[in-house]
Amino acid sequence: MAEWHRVSPVANGVWSITEAGHVTMWLIVGSERALLFDTGMGFVPVRPVVEAITPLPILVVNSHHHFDHIGGNHEFDEVVIHPYGADRLASTPPPSELRDYLEQYDLVLDAATSIRELDRELLHLFDSDSEPAALPGGFDRDTWQIRPSRPRSTVADGDRLDLGGRVLEVLYTPGHTPDGICLHDSATGILFAGDTVNSGPIYAHEADSNLADFAASTARLAAVKDEVSLVAMSHFGRVIAPPYVLQSVADAFAGIADTRHHARETRDAVGCPVAEIEFDHFSILVPASDRTGP
């Protein structure tokens, strides 16, 4: 377990729990209970990792319903999500989607292998949290599934989750999905961004993504950037960013109609064709058919 999950202290009472090459979860500990923001891929149980850090009761909060954020939900007694995602937890992704994801990850591993020596000698981009890792021993890719779960309750915009000595405020940020949320920690100022902000591609191309919602949500986050100490994200090699990235992402979504013609063709994490608009510290994925849209 410890060999798969990479655990790093980030701030007082805050740990990142990373499945390198896949997703980062965030553990925030108060004096009375702890909150786990997302539960990862479900390759390896995550609850023992959390319990090795804290003996306190655990509240799981899902940033949204996508399978890479809910894989360990079934291990916990108390799971909450925005109402728009509640019913989605009971369904499981089709085997073909999981198979496509693993095939794309094989390409990631091949690419990492090809540059590993060069990185260690010259680039120094990889670290223990960012270097893609081979799938854990004993993992059976043919039988892997995301087990269904059921939320104990739901959370909505403005809800305050009291952990004892620290309060996390729920910010409703649809765009990536209709149920997307972020959390803001009163004790540290950290914004836990889910998939609303990323250091690599921000996924705005999926069937339930909405560019107008994304623009409104990121503008809202930019408006509170002075109250944020750092941004804690879920994916790619850099999962911590300074608050200025909130304004950069908001500006990108506000002007996306003017930048679509710069998009390049690529594929997402399950191999779907998309168009990628690149910015200085991140990119935005839009549907391939939209790359020359108005």
C-alpha atoms as a PDB file:
ATOM      1  CA  MET A   1       0.000   0.000   0.000  1.00  0.00           C
ATOM      2  CA  ALA A   2       2.629   2.519   1.019  1.00  0.00           C
ATOM      3  CA  GLU A   3       4.640   1.592  -2.060  1.00  0.00           C
ATOM      4  CA  TRP A   4       1.756   2.605  -4.330  1.00  0.00           C
ATOM      5  CA  HIS A   5       0.365   5.690  -2.616  1.00  0.00           C
ATOM      6  CA  ARG A   6       2.851   8.547  -2.295  1.00  0.00           C
ATOM      7  CA  VAL A   7       2.107  10.485   0.892  1.00  0.00           C
ATOM      8  CA  SER A   8       3.495  14.005   1.374  1.00  0.00           C
ATOM      9  CA  PRO A   9       2.798  16.573   4.109  1.00  0.00           C
ATOM     10  CA  VAL A  10       1.914  19.895   2.471  1.00  0.00           C
ATOM     11  CA  ALA A  11       0.810  22.156   5.320  1.00  0.00           C
ATOM     12  CA  ASN A  12      -0.210  21.870   8.943  1.00  0.00           C
ATOM     13  CA  GLY A  13      -2.755  19.056   8.993  1.00  0.00           C
ATOM     14  CA  VAL A  14      -2.771  18.632   5.203  1.00  0.00           C
ATOM     15  CA  TRP A  15      -1.355  15.693   3.217  1.00  0.00           C
ATOM     16  CA  SER A  16      -1.354  14.833  -0.457  1.00  0.00           C
ATOM     17  CA  ILE A  17      -1.955  11.157  -1.228  1.00  0.00           C
ATOM     18  CA  THR A  18      -0.893  10.536  -4.799  1.00  0.00           C
ATOM     19  CA  GLU A  19      -1.301   7.663  -7.215  1.00  0.00           C
ATOM     20  CA  ALA A  20       1.566   8.849  -9.387  1.00  0.00           C
ATOM     21  CA  GLY A  21       0.571   9.327 -13.003  1.00  0.00           C
ATOM     22  CA  HIS A  22      -3.114   9.162 -12.120  1.00  0.00           C
ATOM     23  CA  VAL A  23      -4.634  11.337  -9.397  1.00  0.00           C
ATOM     24  CA  THR A  24      -3.916  13.100  -6.107  1.00  0.00           C
ATOM     25  CA  MET A  25      -6.236  12.937  -3.120  1.00  0.00           C
ATOM     26  CA  TRP A  26      -6.083  15.417  -0.249  1.00  0.00           C
ATOM     27  CA  LEU A  27      -6.370  14.621   3.460  1.00  0.00           C
ATOM     28  CA  ILE A  28      -7.229  17.525   5.774  1.00  0.00           C
ATOM     29  CA  VAL A  29      -7.183  16.822   9.516  1.00  0.00           C
ATOM     30  CA  GLY A  30      -8.929  18.790  12.256  1.00  0.00           C
ATOM     31  CA  SER A  31      -9.076  18.127  15.964  1.00  0.00           C
ATOM     32  CA  GLU A  32     -12.295  16.071  15.801  1.00  0.00           C
ATOM     33  CA  ARG A  33     -12.363  14.446  12.371  1.00  0.00           C
ATOM     34  CA  ALA A  34     -10.565  14.331   9.051  1.00  0.00           C
ATOM     35  CA  LEU A  35     -11.723  14.946   5.492  1.00  0.00           C
ATOM     36  CA  LEU A  36     -10.516  13.004   2.468  1.00  0.00           C
ATOM     37  CA  PHE A  37     -11.131  14.908  -0.761  1.00  0.00           C
ATOM     38  CA  ASP A  38     -11.642  12.116  -3.321  1.00  0.00           C
ATOM     39  CA  THR A  39     -10.628   8.466  -3.075  1.00  0.00           C
ATOM     40  CA  GLY A  40      -8.659   7.767  -6.240  1.00  0.00           C
ATOM     41  CA  MET A  41      -8.578   4.945  -8.724  1.00  0.00           C
ATOM     42  CA  GLY A  42      -9.396   1.938  -6.560  1.00  0.00           C
ATOM     43  CA  PHE A  43      -6.291   0.027  -7.678  1.00  0.00           C
ATOM     44  CA  VAL A  44      -5.209  -0.439  -4.043  1.00  0.00           C
ATOM     45  CA  PRO A  45      -7.191   0.267  -0.837  1.00  0.00           C
ATOM     46  CA  VAL A  46      -6.639   3.831   0.345  1.00  0.00           C
ATOM     47  CA  ARG A  47      -8.290   3.610   3.757  1.00  0.00           C
ATOM     48  CA  PRO A  48      -5.278   1.938   5.424  1.00  0.00           C
ATOM     49  CA  VAL A  49      -3.096   4.778   4.106  1.00  0.00           C
ATOM     50  CA  VAL A  50      -5.406   7.368   5.650  1.00  0.00           C
ATOM     51  CA  GLU A  51      -5.638   5.476   8.939  1.00  0.00           C
ATOM     52  CA  ALA A  52      -1.846   5.359   9.162  1.00  0.00           C
ATOM     53  CA  ILE A  53      -1.897   9.179   9.179  1.00  0.00           C
ATOM     54  CA  THR A  54      -4.821   9.814  11.528  1.00  0.00           C
ATOM     55  CA  PRO A  55      -7.063   7.762  13.854  1.00  0.00           C
ATOM     56  CA  LEU A  56      -9.887  10.305  13.550  1.00  0.00           C
ATOM     57  CA  PRO A  57     -13.228   9.565  11.860  1.00  0.00           C
ATOM     58  CA  ILE A  58     -13.056  10.163   8.109  1.00  0.00           C
ATOM     59  CA  LEU A  59     -15.501  12.171   6.013  1.00  0.00           C
ATOM     60  CA  VAL A  60     -15.071  11.548   2.271  1.00  0.00           C
ATOM     61  CA  VAL A  61     -16.025  14.443   0.016  1.00  0.00           C
ATOM     62  CA  ASN A  62     -16.019  13.814  -3.731  1.00  0.00           C
ATOM     63  CA  SER A  63     -15.013  16.718  -5.946  1.00  0.00           C
ATOM     64  CA  HIS A  64     -17.223  15.159  -8.647  1.00  0.00           C
ATOM     65  CA  HIS A  65     -18.414  11.763  -9.810  1.00  0.00           C
ATOM     66  CA  HIS A  66     -15.759  10.708 -12.369  1.00  0.00           C
ATOM     67  CA  PHE A  67     -14.301   7.256 -11.799  1.00  0.00           C
ATOM     68  CA  ASP A  68     -10.734   8.384 -11.088  1.00  0.00           C
ATOM     69  CA  HIS A  69     -11.982  10.317  -8.040  1.00  0.00           C
ATOM     70  CA  ILE A  70     -14.333   7.765  -6.464  1.00  0.00           C
ATOM     71  CA  GLY A  71     -12.544   4.407  -6.741  1.00  0.00           C
ATOM     72  CA  GLY A  72     -12.128   3.997  -2.982  1.00  0.00           C
ATOM     73  CA  ASN A  73     -15.506   5.385  -1.897  1.00  0.00           C
ATOM     74  CA  HIS A  74     -16.797   1.951  -0.942  1.00  0.00           C
ATOM     75  CA  GLU A  75     -14.117   1.670   1.769  1.00  0.00           C
ATOM     76  CA  PHE A  76     -15.647   4.474   3.833  1.00  0.00           C
ATOM     77  CA  ASP A  77     -18.861   4.840   5.805  1.00  0.00           C
ATOM     78  CA  GLU A  78     -19.475   8.550   5.250  1.00  0.00           C
ATOM     79  CA  VAL A  79     -19.318   9.837   1.668  1.00  0.00           C
ATOM     80  CA  VAL A  80     -20.833  13.102   0.442  1.00  0.00           C
ATOM     81  CA  ILE A  81     -21.048  14.701  -2.990  1.00  0.00           C
ATOM     82  CA  HIS A  82     -22.977  17.519  -4.669  1.00  0.00           C
ATOM     83  CA  PRO A  83     -26.606  16.498  -5.369  1.00  0.00           C
ATOM     84  CA  TYR A  84     -26.039  16.426  -9.132  1.00  0.00           C
ATOM     85  CA  GLY A  85     -23.521  13.622  -8.664  1.00  0.00           C
ATOM     86  CA  ALA A  86     -25.334  11.523  -6.059  1.00  0.00           C
ATOM     87  CA  ASP A  87     -27.060   9.134  -8.459  1.00  0.00           C
ATOM     88  CA  ARG A  88     -23.926   8.764 -10.578  1.00  0.00           C
ATOM     89  CA  LEU A  89     -22.056   7.053  -7.735  1.00  0.00           C
ATOM     90  CA  ALA A  90     -24.367   4.056  -7.987  1.00  0.00           C
ATOM     91  CA  SER A  91     -23.397   3.383 -11.602  1.00  0.00           C
ATOM     92  CA  THR A  92     -20.078   2.004 -12.793  1.00  0.00           C
ATOM     93  CA  PRO A  93     -18.096   2.965 -15.889  1.00  0.00           C
ATOM     94  CA  PRO A  94     -18.250   0.423 -18.710  1.00  0.00           C
ATOM     95  CA  PRO A  95     -15.294  -1.987 -18.944  1.00  0.00           C
ATOM     96  CA  SER A  96     -14.403  -0.492 -22.329  1.00  0.00           C
ATOM     97  CA  GLU A  97     -13.788   2.928 -20.732  1.00  0.00           C
ATOM     98  CA  LEU A  98     -11.507   1.441 -18.071  1.00  0.00           C
ATOM     99  CA  ARG A  99      -9.686  -0.592 -20.722  1.00  0.00           C
ATOM    100  CA  ASP A 100      -9.151   2.530 -22.842  1.00  0.00           C
ATOM    101  CA  TYR A 101      -7.819   4.365 -19.802  1.00  0.00           C
ATOM    102  CA  LEU A 102      -5.259   1.626 -19.068  1.00  0.00           C
ATOM    103  CA  GLU A 103      -4.168   1.530 -22.699  1.00  0.00           C
ATOM    104  CA  GLN A 104      -3.510   5.269 -22.623  1.00  0.00           C
ATOM    105  CA  TYR A 105      -1.614   4.857 -19.355  1.00  0.00           C
ATOM    106  CA  ASP A 106       0.621   2.277 -21.046  1.00  0.00           C
ATOM    107  CA  LEU A 107       1.631   5.086 -23.406  1.00  0.00           C
ATOM    108  CA  VAL A 108       2.365   7.339 -20.413  1.00  0.00           C
ATOM    109  CA  LEU A 109       4.630   4.692 -18.887  1.00  0.00           C
ATOM    110  CA  ASP A 110       6.449   4.181 -22.184  1.00  0.00           C
ATOM    111  CA  ALA A 111       7.028   7.919 -22.510  1.00  0.00           C
ATOM    112  CA  ALA A 112       8.289   8.177 -18.923  1.00  0.00           C
ATOM    113  CA  THR A 113      10.697   5.322 -19.503  1.00  0.00           C
ATOM    114  CA  SER A 114      12.102   6.963 -22.602  1.00  0.00           C
ATOM    115  CA  ILE A 115      12.945  10.226 -20.808  1.00  0.00           C
ATOM    116  CA  ARG A 116      13.728   8.981 -17.270  1.00  0.00           C
ATOM    117  CA  GLU A 117      17.508   9.007 -17.633  1.00  0.00           C
ATOM    118  CA  LEU A 118      17.473  12.365 -19.423  1.00  0.00           C
ATOM    119  CA  ASP A 119      15.254  13.780 -16.707  1.00  0.00           C
ATOM    120  CA  ARG A 120      17.565  12.621 -13.908  1.00  0.00           C
ATOM    121  CA  GLU A 121      20.622  13.969 -15.697  1.00  0.00           C
ATOM    122  CA  LEU A 122      19.356  17.301 -17.031  1.00  0.00           C
ATOM    123  CA  LEU A 123      15.697  18.185 -16.552  1.00  0.00           C
ATOM    124  CA  HIS A 124      14.803  17.200 -12.953  1.00  0.00           C
ATOM    125  CA  LEU A 125      11.066  17.338 -13.582  1.00  0.00           C
ATOM    126  CA  PHE A 126      10.106  14.036 -11.965  1.00  0.00           C
ATOM    127  CA  ASP A 127       9.903  13.483  -8.237  1.00  0.00           C
ATOM    128  CA  SER A 128       8.359  10.705  -6.148  1.00  0.00           C
ATOM    129  CA  ASP A 129       4.891  12.236  -6.534  1.00  0.00           C
ATOM    130  CA  SER A 130       5.069  12.956 -10.254  1.00  0.00           C
ATOM    131  CA  GLU A 131       7.014  10.112 -11.860  1.00  0.00           C
ATOM    132  CA  PRO A 132       4.473   7.691 -13.412  1.00  0.00           C
ATOM    133  CA  ALA A 133       4.633   4.319 -11.705  1.00  0.00           C
ATOM    134  CA  ALA A 134       3.995   0.809 -12.976  1.00  0.00           C
ATOM    135  CA  LEU A 135       0.622  -0.503 -11.880  1.00  0.00           C
ATOM    136  CA  PRO A 136       0.728  -2.102  -8.413  1.00  0.00           C
ATOM    137  CA  GLY A 137       1.686  -5.731  -7.984  1.00  0.00           C
ATOM    138  CA  GLY A 138      -1.290  -8.045  -7.968  1.00  0.00           C
ATOM    139  CA  PHE A 139      -3.447  -5.618  -9.912  1.00  0.00           C
ATOM    140  CA  ASP A 140      -5.555  -7.419 -12.522  1.00  0.00           C
ATOM    141  CA  ARG A 141      -6.374  -5.070 -15.357  1.00  0.00           C
ATOM    142  CA  ASP A 142      -8.923  -7.516 -16.768  1.00  0.00           C
ATOM    143  CA  THR A 143     -11.086  -7.526 -13.635  1.00  0.00           C
ATOM    144  CA  TRP A 144     -10.572  -3.933 -12.438  1.00  0.00           C
ATOM    145  CA  GLN A 145     -13.833  -2.128 -11.832  1.00  0.00           C
ATOM    146  CA  ILE A 146     -15.044   0.916  -9.949  1.00  0.00           C
ATOM    147  CA  ARG A 147     -17.356  -0.367  -7.257  1.00  0.00           C
ATOM    148  CA  PRO A 148     -20.624   1.507  -6.810  1.00  0.00           C
ATOM    149  CA  SER A 149     -21.136   3.591  -3.689  1.00  0.00           C
ATOM    150  CA  ARG A 150     -23.927   5.546  -2.101  1.00  0.00           C
ATOM    151  CA  PRO A 151     -23.512   8.972  -0.486  1.00  0.00           C
ATOM    152  CA  ARG A 152     -24.574   9.389   3.130  1.00  0.00           C
ATOM    153  CA  SER A 153     -25.686  12.922   2.295  1.00  0.00           C
ATOM    154  CA  THR A 154     -24.954  15.758  -0.123  1.00  0.00           C
ATOM    155  CA  VAL A 155     -23.187  19.120   0.035  1.00  0.00           C
ATOM    156  CA  ALA A 156     -24.069  22.391  -1.641  1.00  0.00           C
ATOM    157  CA  ASP A 157     -22.532  25.777  -2.270  1.00  0.00           C
ATOM    158  CA  GLY A 158     -21.727  27.612   0.946  1.00  0.00           C
ATOM    159  CA  ASP A 159     -21.857  24.568   3.218  1.00  0.00           C
ATOM    160  CA  ARG A 160     -19.247  24.673   5.980  1.00  0.00           C
ATOM    161  CA  LEU A 161     -17.642  21.391   7.009  1.00  0.00           C
ATOM    162  CA  ASP A 162     -16.332  21.697  10.564  1.00  0.00           C
ATOM    163  CA  LEU A 163     -13.472  19.317  11.331  1.00  0.00           C
ATOM    164  CA  GLY A 164     -12.711  20.847  14.718  1.00  0.00           C
ATOM    165  CA  GLY A 165     -10.356  23.808  14.669  1.00  0.00           C
ATOM    166  CA  ARG A 166     -10.698  24.210  10.922  1.00  0.00           C
ATOM    167  CA  VAL A 167     -13.652  24.718   8.622  1.00  0.00           C
ATOM    168  CA  LEU A 168     -13.812  23.864   4.931  1.00  0.00           C
ATOM    169  CA  GLU A 169     -16.232  25.890   2.817  1.00  0.00           C
ATOM    170  CA  VAL A 170     -17.865  24.233  -0.194  1.00  0.00           C
ATOM    171  CA  LEU A 171     -17.673  26.226  -3.428  1.00  0.00           C
ATOM    172  CA  TYR A 172     -19.930  24.955  -6.206  1.00  0.00           C
ATOM    173  CA  THR A 173     -17.880  25.120  -9.427  1.00  0.00           C
ATOM    174  CA  PRO A 174     -19.641  23.357 -12.322  1.00  0.00           C
ATOM    175  CA  GLY A 175     -18.022  23.269 -15.739  1.00  0.00           C
ATOM    176  CA  HIS A 176     -15.947  20.108 -15.857  1.00  0.00           C
ATOM    177  CA  THR A 177     -19.076  18.330 -14.639  1.00  0.00           C
ATOM    178  CA  PRO A 178     -22.424  19.622 -13.323  1.00  0.00           C
ATOM    179  CA  ASP A 179     -21.539  18.407  -9.800  1.00  0.00           C
ATOM    180  CA  GLY A 180     -18.051  19.919  -9.503  1.00  0.00           C
ATOM    181  CA  ILE A 181     -17.025  21.477  -6.195  1.00  0.00           C
ATOM    182  CA  CYS A 182     -13.928  22.999  -4.620  1.00  0.00           C
ATOM    183  CA  LEU A 183     -13.115  23.315  -0.913  1.00  0.00           C
ATOM    184  CA  HIS A 184     -11.510  26.308   0.823  1.00  0.00           C
ATOM    185  CA  ASP A 185      -9.669  25.663   4.088  1.00  0.00           C
ATOM    186  CA  SER A 186     -10.066  28.379   6.705  1.00  0.00           C
ATOM    187  CA  ALA A 187      -6.995  27.254   8.635  1.00  0.00           C
ATOM    188  CA  THR A 188      -4.434  27.389   5.807  1.00  0.00           C
ATOM    189  CA  GLY A 189      -6.144  29.303   2.988  1.00  0.00           C
ATOM    190  CA  ILE A 190      -5.594  26.328   0.662  1.00  0.00           C
ATOM    191  CA  LEU A 191      -8.101  25.940  -2.176  1.00  0.00           C
ATOM    192  CA  PHE A 192      -8.678  22.296  -3.063  1.00  0.00           C
ATOM    193  CA  ALA A 193      -9.622  22.636  -6.707  1.00  0.00           C
ATOM    194  CA  GLY A 194     -10.780  19.198  -7.836  1.00  0.00           C
ATOM    195  CA  ASP A 195     -10.740  19.182 -11.643  1.00  0.00           C
ATOM    196  CA  THR A 196     -11.750  22.837 -11.997  1.00  0.00           C
ATOM    197  CA  VAL A 197      -8.073  23.872 -12.154  1.00  0.00           C
ATOM    198  CA  ASN A 198      -5.097  21.777 -13.267  1.00  0.00           C
ATOM    199  CA  SER A 199      -1.459  22.257 -14.142  1.00  0.00           C
ATOM    200  CA  GLY A 200      -1.904  20.229 -17.309  1.00  0.00           C
ATOM    201  CA  PRO A 201      -4.990  19.851 -19.487  1.00  0.00           C
ATOM    202  CA  ILE A 202      -8.235  21.110 -17.967  1.00  0.00           C
ATOM    203  CA  TYR A 203     -10.972  18.857 -19.304  1.00  0.00           C
ATOM    204  CA  ALA A 204     -13.767  20.991 -20.784  1.00  0.00           C
ATOM    205  CA  HIS A 205     -14.617  18.670 -23.660  1.00  0.00           C
ATOM    206  CA  GLU A 206     -16.617  15.858 -22.115  1.00  0.00           C
ATOM    207  CA  ALA A 207     -20.297  15.153 -22.663  1.00  0.00           C
ATOM    208  CA  ASP A 208     -21.342  16.790 -19.395  1.00  0.00           C
ATOM    209  CA  SER A 209     -18.822  19.655 -19.529  1.00  0.00           C
ATOM    210  CA  ASN A 210     -20.076  23.196 -20.085  1.00  0.00           C
ATOM    211  CA  LEU A 211     -17.839  26.065 -21.183  1.00  0.00           C
ATOM    212  CA  ALA A 212     -20.179  28.798 -19.945  1.00  0.00           C
ATOM    213  CA  ASP A 213     -20.337  27.180 -16.502  1.00  0.00           C
ATOM    214  CA  PHE A 214     -16.567  26.762 -16.537  1.00  0.00           C
ATOM    215  CA  ALA A 215     -16.101  30.459 -17.291  1.00  0.00           C
ATOM    216  CA  ALA A 216     -18.434  31.479 -14.462  1.00  0.00           C
ATOM    217  CA  SER A 217     -16.865  29.086 -11.966  1.00  0.00           C
ATOM    218  CA  THR A 218     -13.289  30.073 -12.716  1.00  0.00           C
ATOM    219  CA  ALA A 219     -14.219  33.768 -12.585  1.00  0.00           C
ATOM    220  CA  ARG A 220     -15.655  33.143  -9.141  1.00  0.00           C
ATOM    221  CA  LEU A 221     -12.421  31.496  -7.986  1.00  0.00           C
ATOM    222  CA  ALA A 222     -10.332  34.333  -9.418  1.00  0.00           C
ATOM    223  CA  ALA A 223     -12.421  36.806  -7.427  1.00  0.00           C
ATOM    224  CA  VAL A 224     -11.322  35.186  -4.147  1.00  0.00           C
ATOM    225  CA  LYS A 225      -7.683  34.589  -5.064  1.00  0.00           C
ATOM    226  CA  ASP A 226      -6.475  37.038  -2.402  1.00  0.00           C
ATOM    227  CA  GLU A 227      -8.010  34.748   0.216  1.00  0.00           C
ATOM    228  CA  VAL A 228      -6.123  31.719  -1.154  1.00  0.00           C
ATOM    229  CA  SER A 229      -2.623  30.727  -0.028  1.00  0.00           C
ATOM    230  CA  LEU A 230      -2.112  28.019  -2.656  1.00  0.00           C
ATOM    231  CA  VAL A 231      -4.126  25.861  -5.033  1.00  0.00           C
ATOM    232  CA  ALA A 232      -4.135  22.093  -4.480  1.00  0.00           C
ATOM    233  CA  MET A 233      -5.026  20.196  -7.661  1.00  0.00           C
ATOM    234  CA  SER A 234      -5.751  16.592  -8.616  1.00  0.00           C
ATOM    235  CA  HIS A 235      -3.702  15.724 -11.675  1.00  0.00           C
ATOM    236  CA  PHE A 236      -0.386  15.857 -13.497  1.00  0.00           C
ATOM    237  CA  GLY A 237       3.126  16.483 -12.249  1.00  0.00           C
ATOM    238  CA  ARG A 238       2.532  19.768 -10.439  1.00  0.00           C
ATOM    239  CA  VAL A 239      -0.385  19.513  -8.034  1.00  0.00           C
ATOM    240  CA  ILE A 240       0.367  22.724  -6.099  1.00  0.00           C
ATOM    241  CA  ALA A 241       0.183  26.174  -7.675  1.00  0.00           C
ATOM    242  CA  PRO A 242       0.226  29.776  -6.424  1.00  0.00           C
ATOM    243  CA  PRO A 243      -3.065  31.702  -6.306  1.00  0.00           C
ATOM    244  CA  TYR A 244      -2.313  33.678  -9.489  1.00  0.00           C
ATOM    245  CA  VAL A 245      -3.174  30.599 -11.534  1.00  0.00           C
ATOM    246  CA  LEU A 246      -6.833  31.185 -10.643  1.00  0.00           C
ATOM    247  CA  GLN A 247      -6.830  34.472 -12.530  1.00  0.00           C
ATOM    248  CA  SER A 248      -4.952  32.938 -15.458  1.00  0.00           C
ATOM    249  CA  VAL A 249      -7.467  30.107 -15.783  1.00  0.00           C
ATOM    250  CA  ALA A 250     -10.414  32.505 -15.502  1.00  0.00           C
ATOM    251  CA  ASP A 251      -8.933  34.750 -18.198  1.00  0.00           C
ATOM    252  CA  ALA A 252      -8.397  31.738 -20.457  1.00  0.00           C
ATOM    253  CA  PHE A 253     -12.005  30.603 -20.193  1.00  0.00           C
ATOM    254  CA  ALA A 254     -13.305  34.147 -20.633  1.00  0.00           C
ATOM    255  CA  GLY A 255     -11.406  34.449 -23.910  1.00  0.00           C
ATOM    256  CA  ILE A 256     -11.698  30.897 -25.160  1.00  0.00           C
ATOM    257  CA  ALA A 257     -13.726  31.902 -28.221  1.00  0.00           C
ATOM    258  CA  ASP A 258     -10.741  33.911 -29.437  1.00  0.00           C
ATOM    259  CA  THR A 259      -8.176  31.153 -28.861  1.00  0.00           C
ATOM    260  CA  ARG A 260      -9.908  28.064 -30.250  1.00  0.00           C
ATOM    261  CA  HIS A 261      -8.281  28.505 -33.639  1.00  0.00           C
ATOM    262  CA  HIS A 262      -4.890  27.914 -31.938  1.00  0.00           C
ATOM    263  CA  ALA A 263      -5.930  24.437 -30.763  1.00  0.00           C
ATOM    264  CA  ARG A 264      -3.963  21.352 -31.731  1.00  0.00           C
ATOM    265  CA  GLU A 265      -5.358  17.862 -32.171  1.00  0.00           C
ATOM    266  CA  THR A 266      -4.552  15.340 -29.448  1.00  0.00           C
ATOM    267  CA  ARG A 267      -6.243  12.696 -27.253  1.00  0.00           C
ATOM    268  CA  ASP A 268      -7.504  12.655 -23.691  1.00  0.00           C
ATOM    269  CA  ALA A 269      -6.836  10.104 -20.932  1.00  0.00           C
ATOM    270  CA  VAL A 270      -9.154   7.511 -22.476  1.00  0.00           C
ATOM    271  CA  GLY A 271      -7.943   8.065 -26.032  1.00  0.00           C
ATOM    272  CA  CYS A 272     -10.779  10.276 -27.297  1.00  0.00           C
ATOM    273  CA  PRO A 273      -9.828  12.834 -29.982  1.00  0.00           C
ATOM    274  CA  VAL A 274      -9.883  16.376 -28.576  1.00  0.00           C
ATOM    275  CA  ALA A 275      -8.539  19.827 -29.370  1.00  0.00           C
ATOM    276  CA  GLU A 276      -6.051  21.354 -26.918  1.00  0.00           C
ATOM    277  CA  ILE A 277      -5.608  25.097 -26.415  1.00  0.00           C
ATOM    278  CA  GLU A 278      -2.275  25.739 -24.726  1.00  0.00           C
ATOM    279  CA  PHE A 279      -1.491  28.499 -22.220  1.00  0.00           C
ATOM    280  CA  ASP A 280       1.624  29.230 -20.186  1.00  0.00           C
ATOM    281  CA  HIS A 281       0.915  27.003 -17.167  1.00  0.00           C
ATOM    282  CA  PHE A 282      -1.972  24.773 -18.276  1.00  0.00           C
ATOM    283  CA  SER A 283      -4.108  23.916 -21.279  1.00  0.00           C
ATOM    284  CA  ILE A 284      -7.808  23.499 -21.976  1.00  0.00           C
ATOM    285  CA  LEU A 285      -9.298  20.563 -23.850  1.00  0.00           C
ATOM    286  CA  VAL A 286     -12.388  21.248 -25.971  1.00  0.00           C
ATOM    287  CA  PRO A 287     -14.263  18.924 -28.329  1.00  0.00           C
ATOM    288  CA  ALA A 288     -12.279  18.231 -31.471  1.00  0.00           C
ATOM    289  CA  SER A 289     -15.105  19.572 -33.590  1.00  0.00           C
ATOM    290  CA  ASP A 290     -14.848  22.921 -31.770  1.00  0.00           C
ATOM    291  CA  ARG A 291     -11.239  23.731 -32.557  1.00  0.00           C
ATOM    292  CA  THR A 292     -12.260  26.158 -35.295  1.00  0.00           C
ATOM    293  CA  GLY A 293     -15.631  27.058 -33.815  1.00  0.00           C
ATOM    294  CA  PRO A 294     -16.829  30.609 -33.201  1.00  0.00           C
END
